[in-house]
C-alpha atoms as a PDB file:
ATOM      1  CA  MET A   1      74.536  97.458 106.425  1.00  0.00           C
ATOM      2  CA  VAL A   2      72.283  96.100 109.262  1.00  0.00           C
ATOM      3  CA  GLY A   3      68.899  94.831 108.274  1.00  0.00           C
ATOM      4  CA  SER A   4      69.758  95.579 104.485  1.00  0.00           C
ATOM      5  CA  SER A   5      68.365  92.176 103.588  1.00  0.00           C
ATOM      6  CA  SER A   6      66.177  89.352 104.949  1.00  0.00           C
ATOM      7  CA  LEU A   7      68.423  86.836 102.808  1.00  0.00           C
ATOM      8  CA  ALA A   8      71.906  87.020 104.976  1.00  0.00           C
ATOM      9  CA  PRO A   9      72.215  84.758 106.998  1.00  0.00           C
ATOM     10  CA  GLN A  10      72.614  85.202 111.114  1.00  0.00           C
ATOM     11  CA  GLU A  11      75.478  83.499 113.257  1.00  0.00           C
ATOM     12  CA  ARG A  12      75.421  84.079 116.937  1.00  0.00           C
ATOM     13  CA  VAL A  13      78.478  82.779 119.506  1.00  0.00           C
ATOM     14  CA  PRO A  14      77.599  80.003 121.710  1.00  0.00           C
ATOM     15  CA  ASP A  15      77.346  80.513 125.491  1.00  0.00           C
ATOM     16  CA  LYS A  16      81.009  79.663 126.107  1.00  0.00           C
ATOM     17  CA  ALA A  17      82.184  81.868 123.511  1.00  0.00           C
ATOM     18  CA  THR A  18      80.620  84.734 124.465  1.00  0.00           C
ATOM     19  CA  GLY A  19      80.444  84.108 128.353  1.00  0.00           C
ATOM     20  CA  GLY A  20      77.509  82.800 129.228  1.00  0.00           C
ATOM     21  CA  SER A  21      75.329  84.816 132.280  1.00  0.00           C
ATOM     22  CA  ASP A  22      78.337  86.944 132.142  1.00  0.00           C
ATOM     23  CA  SER A  23      77.700  87.929 128.824  1.00  0.00           C
ATOM     24  CA  LYS A  24      74.695  90.318 130.418  1.00  0.00           C
ATOM     25  CA  LYS A  25      77.336  92.362 132.090  1.00  0.00           C
ATOM     26  CA  LEU A  26      79.634  95.881 130.760  1.00  0.00           C
ATOM     27  CA  THR A  27      82.668  94.443 130.821  1.00  0.00           C
ATOM     28  CA  PRO A  28      85.926  96.162 129.008  1.00  0.00           C
ATOM     29  CA  CYS A  29      87.220  94.794 125.879  1.00  0.00           C
ATOM     30  CA  TYR A  30      88.085  95.628 122.134  1.00  0.00           C
ATOM     31  CA  LEU A  31      85.191  96.082 119.284  1.00  0.00           C
ATOM     32  CA  MET A  32      85.366  95.683 115.687  1.00  0.00           C
ATOM     33  CA  VAL A  33      82.575  96.943 113.659  1.00  0.00           C
ATOM     34  CA  ALA A  34      82.391  96.341 110.261  1.00  0.00           C
ATOM     35  CA  ASP A  35      80.415  96.412 106.516  1.00  0.00           C
ATOM     36  CA  ILE A  36      80.863  95.407 103.208  1.00  0.00           C
ATOM     37  CA  LEU A  37      80.522  98.112 101.066  1.00  0.00           C
ATOM     38  CA  GLY A  38      77.790  98.278  98.071  1.00  0.00           C
ATOM     39  CA  PHE A  39      75.794  95.195  99.797  1.00  0.00           C
ATOM     40  CA  SER A  40      72.486  96.659  99.344  1.00  0.00           C
ATOM     41  CA  ARG A  41      73.449  97.046  95.836  1.00  0.00           C
ATOM     42  CA  MET A  42      74.519  93.348  95.543  1.00  0.00           C
ATOM     43  CA  ILE A  43      71.514  92.086  97.063  1.00  0.00           C
ATOM     44  CA  THR A  44      69.538  94.085  94.762  1.00  0.00           C
ATOM     45  CA  ASN A  45      71.162  93.525  91.251  1.00  0.00           C
ATOM     46  CA  LEU A  46      72.180  90.258  91.774  1.00  0.00           C
ATOM     47  CA  PRO A  47      70.256  87.387  90.413  1.00  0.00           C
ATOM     48  CA  ASP A  48      68.384  85.523  92.811  1.00  0.00           C
ATOM     49  CA  SER A  49      70.761  82.255  91.931  1.00  0.00           C
ATOM     50  CA  GLU A  50      73.492  83.701  93.155  1.00  0.00           C
ATOM     51  CA  LYS A  51      72.602  86.419  96.298  1.00  0.00           C
ATOM     52  CA  SER A  52      72.273  83.357  98.549  1.00  0.00           C
ATOM     53  CA  GLN A  53      76.220  81.933  97.088  1.00  0.00           C
ATOM     54  CA  ARG A  54      77.457  85.645  97.839  1.00  0.00           C
ATOM     55  CA  VAL A  55      76.153  85.714 101.082  1.00  0.00           C
ATOM     56  CA  SER A  56      77.729  82.486 101.700  1.00  0.00           C
ATOM     57  CA  GLU A  57      80.842  83.301 100.825  1.00  0.00           C
ATOM     58  CA  TRP A  58      80.652  86.653 103.329  1.00  0.00           C
ATOM     59  CA  VAL A  59      79.700  84.208 105.669  1.00  0.00           C
ATOM     60  CA  ASP A  60      82.669  81.738 105.148  1.00  0.00           C
ATOM     61  CA  LEU A  61      84.996  84.155 105.249  1.00  0.00           C
ATOM     62  CA  VAL A  62      84.172  85.369 108.841  1.00  0.00           C
ATOM     63  CA  LYS A  63      84.529  81.891 109.961  1.00  0.00           C
ATOM     64  CA  ALA A  64      87.809  80.495 107.733  1.00  0.00           C
ATOM     65  CA  THR A  65      89.574  84.374 109.235  1.00  0.00           C
ATOM     66  CA  GLN A  66      88.471  83.831 112.964  1.00  0.00           C
ATOM     67  CA  ARG A  67      89.888  80.368 112.637  1.00  0.00           C
ATOM     68  CA  LEU A  68      93.097  81.361 111.434  1.00  0.00           C
ATOM     69  CA  VAL A  69      93.631  84.226 113.936  1.00  0.00           C
ATOM     70  CA  GLY A  70      91.619  82.437 116.920  1.00  0.00           C
ATOM     71  CA  ILE A  71      89.297  84.989 117.296  1.00  0.00           C
ATOM     72  CA  LYS A  72      85.951  83.172 119.761  1.00  0.00           C
ATOM     73  CA  ALA A  73      83.460  85.928 120.070  1.00  0.00           C
ATOM     74  CA  THR A  74      81.884  87.515 116.708  1.00  0.00           C
ATOM     75  CA  GLN A  75      78.306  88.282 115.423  1.00  0.00           C
ATOM     76  CA  LEU A  76      77.000  88.767 112.050  1.00  0.00           C
ATOM     77  CA  MET A  77      73.480  90.515 111.211  1.00  0.00           C
ATOM     78  CA  SER A  78      72.999  90.725 107.387  1.00  0.00           C
ATOM     79  CA  ASP A  79      76.654  92.258 106.612  1.00  0.00           C
ATOM     80  CA  THR A  80      77.230  93.774 109.273  1.00  0.00           C
ATOM     81  CA  LEU A  81      80.220  91.986 111.500  1.00  0.00           C
ATOM     82  CA  PHE A  82      80.701  92.462 115.234  1.00  0.00           C
ATOM     83  CA  VAL A  83      84.082  91.035 117.041  1.00  0.00           C
ATOM     84  CA  ARG A  84      84.862  91.139 120.926  1.00  0.00           C
ATOM     85  CA  GLU A  85      88.515  90.682 121.881  1.00  0.00           C
ATOM     86  CA  GLU A  86      89.367  90.373 125.436  1.00  0.00           C
ATOM     87  CA  ASP A  87      90.944  93.646 127.019  1.00  0.00           C
ATOM     88  CA  SER A  88      94.497  92.549 126.747  1.00  0.00           C
ATOM     89  CA  GLU A  89      97.814  93.075 124.262  1.00  0.00           C
ATOM     90  CA  ASP A  90      97.088  89.826 123.176  1.00  0.00           C
ATOM     91  CA  GLY A  91      93.502  90.181 122.738  1.00  0.00           C
ATOM     92  CA  LEU A  92      94.519  93.308 120.828  1.00  0.00           C
ATOM     93  CA  GLU A  93      96.602  91.945 118.431  1.00  0.00           C
ATOM     94  CA  ARG A  94      94.612  89.450 117.561  1.00  0.00           C
ATOM     95  CA  LEU A  95      91.656  91.616 116.425  1.00  0.00           C
ATOM     96  CA  LEU A  96      94.642  93.873 114.203  1.00  0.00           C
ATOM     97  CA  ARG A  97      95.827  90.391 112.443  1.00  0.00           C
ATOM     98  CA  PHE A  98      91.686  89.390 112.042  1.00  0.00           C
ATOM     99  CA  ALA A  99      90.730  92.902 110.512  1.00  0.00           C
ATOM    100  CA  GLN A 100      94.083  93.083 108.545  1.00  0.00           C
ATOM    101  CA  LEU A 101      93.322  89.284 107.201  1.00  0.00           C
ATOM    102  CA  LEU A 102      89.427  90.033 106.960  1.00  0.00           C
ATOM    103  CA  LEU A 103      90.687  93.003 104.416  1.00  0.00           C
ATOM    104  CA  GLN A 104      92.663  91.294 102.031  1.00  0.00           C
ATOM    105  CA  LYS A 105      90.775  88.206 101.956  1.00  0.00           C
ATOM    106  CA  GLY A 106      87.742  90.090 101.233  1.00  0.00           C
ATOM    107  CA  MET A 107      89.206  92.169  98.610  1.00  0.00           C
ATOM    108  CA  GLN A 108      90.229  89.079  97.012  1.00  0.00           C
ATOM    109  CA  LYS A 109      86.615  87.580  97.053  1.00  0.00           C
ATOM    110  CA  SER A 110      85.344  91.605  95.554  1.00  0.00           C
ATOM    111  CA  PHE A 111      84.509  92.085  99.504  1.00  0.00           C
ATOM    112  CA  PRO A 112      85.469  95.678  99.890  1.00  0.00           C
ATOM    113  CA  ILE A 113      85.013  95.985 104.009  1.00  0.00           C
ATOM    114  CA  ARG A 114      84.878  99.193 105.874  1.00  0.00           C
ATOM    115  CA  GLY A 115      85.491  99.327 109.427  1.00  0.00           C
ATOM    116  CA  ALA A 116      86.329 100.448 112.571  1.00  0.00           C
ATOM    117  CA  ILE A 117      87.740  98.850 116.103  1.00  0.00           C
ATOM    118  CA  VAL A 118      87.276 100.954 119.566  1.00  0.00           C
ATOM    119  CA  HIS A 119      87.851  99.845 123.174  1.00  0.00           C
ATOM    120  CA  GLY A 120      85.661 100.487 126.153  1.00  0.00           C
ATOM    121  CA  ASN A 121      82.757  98.622 128.159  1.00  0.00           C
ATOM    122  CA  VAL A 122      80.399  96.324 125.980  1.00  0.00           C
ATOM    123  CA  ALA A 123      77.588  93.578 127.650  1.00  0.00           C
ATOM    124  CA  TRP A 124      77.828  90.914 124.503  1.00  0.00           C
ATOM    125  CA  GLY A 125      75.485  88.592 123.828  1.00  0.00           C
ATOM    126  CA  GLU A 126      71.758  88.035 122.168  1.00  0.00           C
ATOM    127  CA  LEU A 127      71.426  91.907 122.725  1.00  0.00           C
ATOM    128  CA  THR A 128      75.198  93.632 122.196  1.00  0.00           C
ATOM    129  CA  TYR A 129      75.314  96.880 123.594  1.00  0.00           C
ATOM    130  CA  GLY A 130      77.398  99.578 125.151  1.00  0.00           C
ATOM    131  CA  GLN A 131      78.759 103.074 124.513  1.00  0.00           C
ATOM    132  CA  PRO A 132      81.807 101.457 122.198  1.00  0.00           C
ATOM    133  CA  VAL A 133      79.025  99.709 119.996  1.00  0.00           C
ATOM    134  CA  ILE A 134      77.805 103.253 119.010  1.00  0.00           C
ATOM    135  CA  GLN A 135      81.052 104.669 118.978  1.00  0.00           C
ATOM    136  CA  ALA A 136      82.526 101.857 116.404  1.00  0.00           C
ATOM    137  CA  HIS A 137      79.576 102.255 114.333  1.00  0.00           C
ATOM    138  CA  LYS A 138      79.921 106.000 114.561  1.00  0.00           C
ATOM    139  CA  LEU A 139      83.499 105.832 112.906  1.00  0.00           C
ATOM    140  CA  GLU A 140      83.051 103.109 110.539  1.00  0.00           C
ATOM    141  CA  ARG A 141      80.326 104.850 108.981  1.00  0.00           C
ATOM    142  CA  SER A 142      82.642 108.374 108.663  1.00  0.00           C
ATOM    143  CA  LEU A 143      85.514 106.673 106.702  1.00  0.00           C
ATOM    144  CA  ASP A 144      85.601 107.697 103.257  1.00  0.00           C
ATOM    145  CA  TRP A 145      87.618 104.713 102.028  1.00  0.00           C
ATOM    146  CA  ILE A 146      87.835 100.776 102.233  1.00  0.00           C
ATOM    147  CA  GLY A 147      90.090  99.906 105.507  1.00  0.00           C
ATOM    148  CA  ILE A 148      89.734  99.552 108.813  1.00  0.00           C
ATOM    149  CA  ALA A 149      90.763 102.552 111.505  1.00  0.00           C
ATOM    150  CA  CYS A 150      90.891 102.511 115.135  1.00  0.00           C
ATOM    151  CA  SER A 151      89.669 105.147 117.710  1.00  0.00           C
ATOM    152  CA  SER A 152      92.257 107.846 118.778  1.00  0.00           C
ATOM    153  CA  SER A 153      92.081 106.425 122.432  1.00  0.00           C
ATOM    154  CA  ILE A 154      92.622 102.848 121.803  1.00  0.00           C
ATOM    155  CA  PRO A 155      95.021 101.530 124.482  1.00  0.00           C
ATOM    156  CA  ARG A 156      98.250  99.800 123.627  1.00  0.00           C
ATOM    157  CA  ILE A 157      98.255 100.400 120.256  1.00  0.00           C
ATOM    158  CA  ASP A 158     101.489 101.654 120.956  1.00  0.00           C
ATOM    159  CA  LYS A 159     102.852  98.490 121.285  1.00  0.00           C
ATOM    160  CA  PHE A 160     101.872  97.733 117.397  1.00  0.00           C
ATOM    161  CA  TRP A 161     103.157 100.288 115.285  1.00  0.00           C
ATOM    162  CA  SER A 162     104.318  98.186 112.108  1.00  0.00           C
ATOM    163  CA  TRP A 163     104.467  99.202 108.285  1.00  0.00           C
ATOM    164  CA  ASP A 164     103.179  94.858 108.413  1.00  0.00           C
ATOM    165  CA  LEU A 165      99.894  95.886 111.163  1.00  0.00           C
ATOM    166  CA  VAL A 166      98.868  99.723 112.068  1.00  0.00           C
ATOM    167  CA  VAL A 167     100.058 102.531 111.167  1.00  0.00           C
ATOM    168  CA  LEU A 168      99.120 106.513 111.824  1.00  0.00           C
ATOM    169  CA  TYR A 169      97.618 108.244 108.958  1.00  0.00           C
ATOM    170  CA  PRO A 170      95.090 111.002 108.513  1.00  0.00           C
ATOM    171  CA  GLN A 171      91.827 109.224 107.796  1.00  0.00           C
ATOM    172  CA  PRO A 172      89.803 110.706 105.104  1.00  0.00           C
ATOM    173  CA  GLN A 173      86.028 110.993 106.633  1.00  0.00           C
ATOM    174  CA  ASP A 174      83.082 111.571 104.203  1.00  0.00           C
ATOM    175  CA  SER A 175      82.333 114.765 105.982  1.00  0.00           C
ATOM    176  CA  GLY A 176      85.432 116.181 103.696  1.00  0.00           C
ATOM    177  CA  SER A 177      87.558 116.202 107.530  1.00  0.00           C
ATOM    178  CA  ILE A 178      90.505 114.207 107.972  1.00  0.00           C
ATOM    179  CA  GLN A 179      91.711 112.452 111.636  1.00  0.00           C
ATOM    180  CA  LEU A 180      94.436 111.651 112.501  1.00  0.00           C
ATOM    181  CA  ILE A 181      94.099 107.922 113.809  1.00  0.00           C
ATOM    182  CA  PRO A 182      95.914 104.331 113.946  1.00  0.00           C
ATOM    183  CA  ALA A 183      94.766 102.239 110.603  1.00  0.00           C
ATOM    184  CA  ILE A 184      95.318  98.311 109.631  1.00  0.00           C
ATOM    185  CA  ALA A 185      98.067  97.793 107.201  1.00  0.00           C
ATOM    186  CA  TRP A 186      97.102  95.878 104.056  1.00  0.00           C
ATOM    187  CA  ASP A 187      98.062  94.711 101.064  1.00  0.00           C
ATOM    188  CA  VAL A 188      96.049  97.559  99.124  1.00  0.00           C
ATOM    189  CA  PRO A 189      96.066  96.142  95.481  1.00  0.00           C
ATOM    190  CA  ARG A 190      96.974  99.156  92.603  1.00  0.00           C
ATOM    191  CA  SER A 191      94.379 101.061  91.209  1.00  0.00           C
ATOM    192  CA  GLN A 192      93.280  99.122  88.181  1.00  0.00           C
ATOM    193  CA  GLU A 193      92.949  96.011  90.295  1.00  0.00           C
ATOM    194  CA  LEU A 194      91.649  97.324  93.699  1.00  0.00           C
ATOM    195  CA  THR A 195      89.043  99.065  90.834  1.00  0.00           C
ATOM    196  CA  ALA A 196      88.033  95.830  89.015  1.00  0.00           C
ATOM    197  CA  LYS A 197      87.841  94.028  93.051  1.00  0.00           C
ATOM    198  CA  ALA A 198      85.866  96.780  94.549  1.00  0.00           C
ATOM    199  CA  ILE A 199      83.319  97.377  91.794  1.00  0.00           C
ATOM    200  CA  ASP A 200      81.624  94.392  90.734  1.00  0.00           C
ATOM    201  CA  VAL A 201      80.138  94.971  86.889  1.00  0.00           C
ATOM    202  CA  ARG A 202      77.532  92.596  87.381  1.00  0.00           C
ATOM    203  CA  LEU A 203      75.784  95.053  89.771  1.00  0.00           C
ATOM    204  CA  TYR A 204      75.730  97.982  87.075  1.00  0.00           C
ATOM    205  CA  ARG A 205      73.261  98.201  84.423  1.00  0.00           C
ATOM    206  CA  LEU A 206      73.102 100.020  81.114  1.00  0.00           C
ATOM    207  CA  GLY A 207      73.022 103.669  81.974  1.00  0.00           C
ATOM    208  CA  ASP A 208      73.957 103.038  85.465  1.00  0.00           C
ATOM    209  CA  ARG A 209      76.438 106.023  86.825  1.00  0.00           C
ATOM    210  CA  VAL A 210      78.819 104.949  89.544  1.00  0.00           C
ATOM    211  CA  PRO A 211      78.388 107.528  92.253  1.00  0.00           C
ATOM    212  CA  GLU A 212      81.437 109.937  93.056  1.00  0.00           C
ATOM    213  CA  HIS A 213      81.495 108.537  96.583  1.00  0.00           C
ATOM    214  CA  VAL A 214      82.282 105.194  95.631  1.00  0.00           C
ATOM    215  CA  ILE A 215      85.248 107.139  93.511  1.00  0.00           C
ATOM    216  CA  SER A 216      86.532 109.194  96.350  1.00  0.00           C
ATOM    217  CA  LYS A 217      86.386 105.645  98.605  1.00  0.00           C
ATOM    218  CA  LEU A 218      88.556 104.508  95.812  1.00  0.00           C
ATOM    219  CA  GLU A 219      90.827 106.817  95.280  1.00  0.00           C
ATOM    220  CA  HIS A 220      91.499 107.339  99.177  1.00  0.00           C
ATOM    221  CA  THR A 221      92.273 104.065  99.240  1.00  0.00           C
ATOM    222  CA  VAL A 222      94.743 103.843  96.248  1.00  0.00           C
ATOM    223  CA  GLN A 223      96.704 106.937  98.559  1.00  0.00           C
ATOM    224  CA  PHE A 224      96.654 104.639 101.463  1.00  0.00           C
ATOM    225  CA  GLY A 225      98.739 102.136  99.309  1.00  0.00           C
ATOM    226  CA  ILE A 226     100.978 104.067  98.003  1.00  0.00           C
ATOM    227  CA  TYR A 227     101.543 105.555 101.235  1.00  0.00           C
ATOM    228  CA  LEU A 228     102.025 101.851 103.142  1.00  0.00           C
ATOM    229  CA  ARG A 229     104.492 101.154 100.326  1.00  0.00           C
ATOM    230  CA  SER A 230     106.382 104.470 100.457  1.00  0.00           C
ATOM    231  CA  GLY A 231     106.683 104.240 104.115  1.00  0.00           C
ATOM    232  CA  LYS A 232     108.246 100.416 104.212  1.00  0.00           C
ATOM    233  CA  ARG A 233     110.903 101.013 101.391  1.00  0.00           C
ATOM    234  CA  PHE A 234     111.813 103.974 102.409  1.00  0.00           C
ATOM    235  CA  CYS A 235     112.041 102.992 106.796  1.00  0.00           C
ATOM    236  CA  LEU A 236     109.659 106.161 107.797  1.00  0.00           C
ATOM    237  CA  ASN A 237     108.415 105.895 111.443  1.00  0.00           C
ATOM    238  CA  PRO A 238     104.937 104.051 111.219  1.00  0.00           C
ATOM    239  CA  GLY A 239     103.572 105.703 114.339  1.00  0.00           C
ATOM    240  CA  ARG A 240     104.465 109.204 112.971  1.00  0.00           C
ATOM    241  CA  PHE A 241     102.822 111.297 110.668  1.00  0.00           C
ATOM    242  CA  GLY A 242     104.755 114.703 109.502  1.00  0.00           C
ATOM    243  CA  HIS A 243     102.073 116.003 107.249  1.00  0.00           C
ATOM    244  CA  LEU A 244      98.867 117.713 106.899  1.00  0.00           C
ATOM    245  CA  SER A 245      97.122 115.134 104.762  1.00  0.00           C
ATOM    246  CA  ALA A 246      98.043 112.340 102.390  1.00  0.00           C
ATOM    247  CA  MET A 247      97.731 114.448  99.003  1.00  0.00           C
ATOM    248  CA  GLU A 248     100.741 116.744 101.296  1.00  0.00           C
ATOM    249  CA  PHE A 249     102.733 113.690 101.823  1.00  0.00           C
ATOM    250  CA  LEU A 250     102.470 112.435  97.949  1.00  0.00           C
ATOM    251  CA  GLU A 251     103.461 116.002  97.037  1.00  0.00           C
ATOM    252  CA  SER A 252     106.664 115.859  99.222  1.00  0.00           C
ATOM    253  CA  LEU A 253     107.367 111.972  97.792  1.00  0.00           C
ATOM    254  CA  ILE A 254     107.170 112.976  93.876  1.00  0.00           C
ATOM    255  CA  GLU A 255     109.072 116.129  94.658  1.00  0.00           C
ATOM    256  CA  SER A 256     112.075 114.269  96.355  1.00  0.00           C
ATOM    257  CA  LEU A 257     112.230 111.615  93.855  1.00  0.00           C
ATOM    258  CA  PHE A 258     112.125 114.004  91.034  1.00  0.00           C
ATOM    259  CA  GLY A 259     114.673 116.436  92.645  1.00  0.00           C
ATOM    260  CA  ALA A 260     116.687 113.317  93.402  1.00  0.00           C
ATOM    261  CA  SER A 261     116.749 112.053  89.486  1.00  0.00           C
ATOM    262  CA  ARG A 262     116.995 115.404  88.374  1.00  0.00           C
ATOM    263  CA  ARG A 263     120.373 115.747  90.573  1.00  0.00           C
ATOM    264  CA  THR A 264     121.665 112.482  89.133  1.00  0.00           C
ATOM    265  CA  ASP A 265     121.014 113.555  85.576  1.00  0.00           C
END
């Protein structure tokens, strides 16, 4: 989260990338805000010799993903990442693919990432501001999972419905409610692997309890992974979700599978 450690380096995009003097103007764009879940615990409990290494791994991950996709405008402040893309179909596609790769490569390195993508007028530069910045922060912090979601009003998203990129999904939120909005599709690990990668045992000491909110995020992420694999296998419409919740979908899936099994017995 922002400002959670003075150890984390800050990166600023050069004037060429941010648009020089134009960066002070409010201009329409796509914006992503993302955080590493559990970063404060990492900084608090890791040995000093490992803290700088983990922070460097995070910075290197962002840079490498940025180069792969062709993203130019990023800012890092502690574990909080801001990414800006142009207001175009190509810009949105780059940002969606960046988000997908960041999730997948981040999980490989035990960086569970949660983020949000929005659209609107943003001033990008040494001081980045605008209503979309607040909107993205609020959406990101409300999500009860490991993953990246888009705002419900994001333009051009209908061009990208795909089981390999973005799907419509009832987002679990920390308030206990759900919101049907676009979500980035990614290779969610199976439950055991996800837990092993998301919860670094080095960050927990003898007698520590794994908080309920951590378990909740893992469970919701596993459910999303099951939905992605099932939807792709059964050729469902990625831009439509015909159930009230993920649990209702899973219940329907189990009943249809067991029903089919009983009919063939």
